[in-house]
Amino acid sequence: MAAIVYFRKISETEGLVEYEFGDDPDDFERRLTVDKASRTSTVRDAQVDYAFLKASRKLNALHTERGVWPERGMSVS
């Protein structure tokens, strides 16, 4: 069984970037915030689960690869 998590940037400031994420690209259910300095993520609903970890890791990987925080994307495993 494949696991897919989609994400979309909703805001970015000098220190933080915020994303919506979930399993439906047309109806995001959750939000996470990345601290740009430490590159740590916090989920708004405090539910640290597989979907949150998957989105967070993919965001950090894309930032490392591209040098910018992605506008949108997905992680599949």
Protein backbone atom coordinates (compact mmCIF):
# COMPACT_ATOMS: atom_id res chain seq x y z
CA MET A 1 0.00 0.00 0.00
CA ALA A 2 1.36 3.43 -0.95
CA ALA A 3 1.36 6.37 1.41
CA ILE A 4 1.00 9.82 -0.14
CA VAL A 5 1.19 13.17 1.61
CA TYR A 6 0.61 16.42 -0.29
CA PHE A 7 1.66 19.88 0.91
CA ARG A 8 1.25 23.52 -0.14
CA LYS A 9 2.93 26.65 1.20
CA ILE A 10 0.48 29.14 2.65
CA SER A 11 2.82 31.75 4.14
CA GLU A 12 6.47 32.62 4.55
CA THR A 13 8.20 35.20 6.72
CA GLU A 14 11.86 35.85 7.40
CA GLY A 15 11.94 33.18 10.10
CA LEU A 16 9.07 30.77 9.40
CA VAL A 17 7.32 28.99 6.57
CA GLU A 18 3.86 27.48 6.99
CA TYR A 19 2.31 24.65 4.99
CA GLU A 20 -1.01 22.90 4.68
CA PHE A 21 -0.73 19.14 4.28
CA GLY A 22 -2.79 15.98 4.04
CA ASP A 23 -3.72 13.02 1.91
CA ASP A 24 -6.09 14.95 -0.39
CA PRO A 25 -4.52 17.73 -2.51
CA ASP A 26 -7.90 19.44 -2.85
CA ASP A 27 -8.77 19.41 0.86
CA PHE A 28 -5.81 19.91 3.19
CA GLU A 29 -6.72 19.07 6.77
CA ARG A 30 -3.63 20.07 8.74
CA ARG A 31 -0.86 22.68 9.03
CA LEU A 32 2.79 22.63 9.93
CA THR A 33 5.33 25.38 10.49
CA VAL A 34 9.06 25.15 9.76
CA ASP A 35 11.55 27.29 11.68
CA LYS A 36 14.02 28.34 8.98
CA ALA A 37 16.98 28.78 11.33
CA SER A 38 16.76 25.37 13.00
CA ARG A 39 14.80 23.66 10.19
CA THR A 40 12.56 22.04 12.78
CA SER A 41 8.86 21.52 12.12
CA THR A 42 5.89 21.90 14.43
CA VAL A 43 2.44 20.58 13.65
CA ARG A 44 -0.47 22.81 14.65
CA ASP A 45 -2.68 20.03 16.02
CA ALA A 46 0.19 18.51 18.07
CA GLN A 47 -0.38 15.14 16.39
CA VAL A 48 3.12 13.93 15.51
CA ASP A 49 2.29 11.05 13.18
CA TYR A 50 3.52 9.44 9.97
CA ALA A 51 1.90 12.06 7.69
CA PHE A 52 3.50 14.95 9.60
CA LEU A 53 6.93 13.31 9.65
CA LYS A 54 6.70 12.44 5.95
CA ALA A 55 5.74 16.00 4.95
CA SER A 56 8.37 17.55 7.21
CA ARG A 57 11.18 15.35 5.93
CA LYS A 58 10.24 15.94 2.29
CA LEU A 59 10.12 19.71 2.80
CA ASN A 60 13.59 19.70 4.34
CA ALA A 61 14.95 17.45 1.58
CA LEU A 62 13.55 19.71 -1.15
CA HIS A 63 14.95 22.80 0.58
CA THR A 64 18.38 21.18 0.79
CA GLU A 65 18.21 20.18 -2.88
CA ARG A 66 16.85 23.46 -4.30
CA GLY A 67 17.89 26.11 -1.79
CA VAL A 68 14.33 27.46 -1.48
CA TRP A 69 11.22 26.33 0.35
CA PRO A 70 8.92 24.63 -2.18
CA GLU A 71 5.55 26.10 -3.08
CA ARG A 72 3.94 22.67 -3.18
CA GLY A 73 4.76 19.02 -3.52
CA MET A 74 4.15 15.51 -2.35
CA SER A 75 5.90 12.57 -0.78
CA VAL A 76 5.16 9.01 -1.84
CA SER A 77 6.38 5.79 -0.29
